[in-house]
Amino acid sequence: RSGSTQAPHLSLWIVSRGINIGLSTRMYFADETQANAADPLLNAIEQAARRATLVAPRELRDGTPVYRFDIRLQGEGETVFLDI
């Protein structure tokens, strides 16, 4: 680590038939606003709309908090994938 604190997140690696390489991405939590604002990876993404593809909104389902994270492989709202 370079001294920067990362926001709470999940690292994801997506593989599927028809995808020749694994795709890496992260899911951040929308209710971690302050931590997300200071996260070095999120800050490296210049366009706010692109950053938003990594942030899962919090919802309540039957009184239970859940996070919804849709992964889009292409097109409008395409998820940011990491080159690692």
C-alpha atoms as a PDB file:
ATOM      1  CA  ARG A   1       0.000   0.000   0.000  1.00  0.00           C
ATOM      2  CA  SER A   2       1.110   3.525  -0.734  1.00  0.00           C
ATOM      3  CA  GLY A   3      -0.413   5.011   2.410  1.00  0.00           C
ATOM      4  CA  SER A   4      -3.791   5.605   0.772  1.00  0.00           C
ATOM      5  CA  THR A   5      -6.793   3.986   2.371  1.00  0.00           C
ATOM      6  CA  GLN A   6      -9.158   2.086   0.136  1.00  0.00           C
ATOM      7  CA  ALA A   7     -12.908   2.272   0.617  1.00  0.00           C
ATOM      8  CA  PRO A   8     -14.702  -0.945   1.571  1.00  0.00           C
ATOM      9  CA  HIS A   9     -15.244  -2.954  -1.605  1.00  0.00           C
ATOM     10  CA  LEU A  10     -15.521  -6.425  -3.088  1.00  0.00           C
ATOM     11  CA  SER A  11     -13.079  -7.487  -5.793  1.00  0.00           C
ATOM     12  CA  LEU A  12     -14.762  -9.499  -8.538  1.00  0.00           C
ATOM     13  CA  TRP A  13     -13.366 -11.648 -11.321  1.00  0.00           C
ATOM     14  CA  ILE A  14     -15.888 -12.580 -14.011  1.00  0.00           C
ATOM     15  CA  VAL A  15     -15.401 -15.545 -16.329  1.00  0.00           C
ATOM     16  CA  SER A  16     -17.870 -16.952 -18.790  1.00  0.00           C
ATOM     17  CA  ARG A  17     -18.085 -19.000 -21.914  1.00  0.00           C
ATOM     18  CA  GLY A  18     -17.453 -16.694 -24.846  1.00  0.00           C
ATOM     19  CA  ILE A  19     -15.214 -14.328 -22.856  1.00  0.00           C
ATOM     20  CA  ASN A  20     -11.603 -15.134 -23.693  1.00  0.00           C
ATOM     21  CA  ILE A  21     -10.147 -13.507 -20.590  1.00  0.00           C
ATOM     22  CA  GLY A  22     -11.286 -13.012 -17.024  1.00  0.00           C
ATOM     23  CA  LEU A  23     -12.643  -9.536 -16.286  1.00  0.00           C
ATOM     24  CA  SER A  24     -11.717  -7.828 -13.016  1.00  0.00           C
ATOM     25  CA  THR A  25     -13.819  -5.146 -11.387  1.00  0.00           C
ATOM     26  CA  ARG A  26     -14.814  -3.890  -7.962  1.00  0.00           C
ATOM     27  CA  MET A  27     -18.082  -3.245  -6.201  1.00  0.00           C
ATOM     28  CA  TYR A  28     -18.179  -0.313  -3.770  1.00  0.00           C
ATOM     29  CA  PHE A  29     -20.993   0.404  -1.321  1.00  0.00           C
ATOM     30  CA  ALA A  30     -23.097   3.547  -1.913  1.00  0.00           C
ATOM     31  CA  ASP A  31     -23.507   4.262   1.791  1.00  0.00           C
ATOM     32  CA  GLU A  32     -19.707   4.599   2.197  1.00  0.00           C
ATOM     33  CA  THR A  33     -19.780   8.079   0.647  1.00  0.00           C
ATOM     34  CA  GLN A  34     -16.824   9.565   2.520  1.00  0.00           C
ATOM     35  CA  ALA A  35     -14.595   6.512   2.051  1.00  0.00           C
ATOM     36  CA  ASN A  36     -15.549   6.261  -1.653  1.00  0.00           C
ATOM     37  CA  ALA A  37     -14.652   9.932  -2.173  1.00  0.00           C
ATOM     38  CA  ALA A  38     -11.130   9.230  -0.857  1.00  0.00           C
ATOM     39  CA  ASP A  39     -10.555   5.890  -2.629  1.00  0.00           C
ATOM     40  CA  PRO A  40      -7.558   6.091  -4.990  1.00  0.00           C
ATOM     41  CA  LEU A  41      -8.990   3.737  -7.624  1.00  0.00           C
ATOM     42  CA  LEU A  42     -12.346   5.497  -7.804  1.00  0.00           C
ATOM     43  CA  ASN A  43     -10.546   8.854  -8.009  1.00  0.00           C
ATOM     44  CA  ALA A  44      -8.471   7.593 -10.938  1.00  0.00           C
ATOM     45  CA  ILE A  45     -11.673   7.274 -13.014  1.00  0.00           C
ATOM     46  CA  GLU A  46     -12.192  10.760 -14.440  1.00  0.00           C
ATOM     47  CA  GLN A  47     -15.842  10.535 -15.504  1.00  0.00           C
ATOM     48  CA  ALA A  48     -18.404  10.451 -12.691  1.00  0.00           C
ATOM     49  CA  ALA A  49     -20.799   8.326 -14.777  1.00  0.00           C
ATOM     50  CA  ARG A  50     -18.084   5.684 -15.209  1.00  0.00           C
ATOM     51  CA  ARG A  51     -17.257   5.743 -11.466  1.00  0.00           C
ATOM     52  CA  ALA A  52     -20.942   5.163 -10.722  1.00  0.00           C
ATOM     53  CA  THR A  53     -20.806   1.766 -12.492  1.00  0.00           C
ATOM     54  CA  LEU A  54     -18.728   0.503  -9.547  1.00  0.00           C
ATOM     55  CA  VAL A  55     -21.021   1.744  -6.773  1.00  0.00           C
ATOM     56  CA  ALA A  56     -23.869  -0.503  -5.624  1.00  0.00           C
ATOM     57  CA  PRO A  57     -26.926   1.347  -4.289  1.00  0.00           C
ATOM     58  CA  ARG A  58     -28.381   0.139  -1.001  1.00  0.00           C
ATOM     59  CA  GLU A  59     -32.016  -0.940  -0.952  1.00  0.00           C
ATOM     60  CA  LEU A  60     -34.358  -2.491   1.574  1.00  0.00           C
ATOM     61  CA  ARG A  61     -36.036  -5.792   0.696  1.00  0.00           C
ATOM     62  CA  ASP A  62     -38.558  -6.976   3.249  1.00  0.00           C
ATOM     63  CA  GLY A  63     -36.808  -4.754   5.792  1.00  0.00           C
ATOM     64  CA  THR A  64     -33.375  -6.233   5.043  1.00  0.00           C
ATOM     65  CA  PRO A  65     -30.654  -4.010   3.548  1.00  0.00           C
ATOM     66  CA  VAL A  66     -29.250  -5.337   0.267  1.00  0.00           C
ATOM     67  CA  TYR A  67     -26.931  -3.908  -2.389  1.00  0.00           C
ATOM     68  CA  ARG A  68     -27.739  -4.160  -6.076  1.00  0.00           C
ATOM     69  CA  PHE A  69     -24.794  -4.393  -8.446  1.00  0.00           C
ATOM     70  CA  ASP A  70     -25.502  -4.902 -12.135  1.00  0.00           C
ATOM     71  CA  ILE A  71     -22.547  -5.829 -14.328  1.00  0.00           C
ATOM     72  CA  ARG A  72     -22.844  -4.647 -17.916  1.00  0.00           C
ATOM     73  CA  LEU A  73     -20.313  -6.081 -20.343  1.00  0.00           C
ATOM     74  CA  GLN A  74     -20.882  -3.493 -23.063  1.00  0.00           C
ATOM     75  CA  GLY A  75     -23.044  -0.606 -24.178  1.00  0.00           C
ATOM     76  CA  GLU A  76     -24.586   2.181 -22.152  1.00  0.00           C
ATOM     77  CA  GLY A  77     -23.554   2.014 -18.509  1.00  0.00           C
ATOM     78  CA  GLU A  78     -20.794  -0.509 -19.227  1.00  0.00           C
ATOM     79  CA  THR A  79     -19.100  -1.528 -15.979  1.00  0.00           C
ATOM     80  CA  VAL A  80     -15.537  -0.305 -15.491  1.00  0.00           C
ATOM     81  CA  PHE A  81     -13.153  -3.246 -15.760  1.00  0.00           C
ATOM     82  CA  LEU A  82      -9.646  -3.137 -14.337  1.00  0.00           C
ATOM     83  CA  ASP A  83      -6.490  -3.967 -16.254  1.00  0.00           C
ATOM     84  CA  ILE A  84      -4.615  -5.988 -13.649  1.00  0.00           C
END
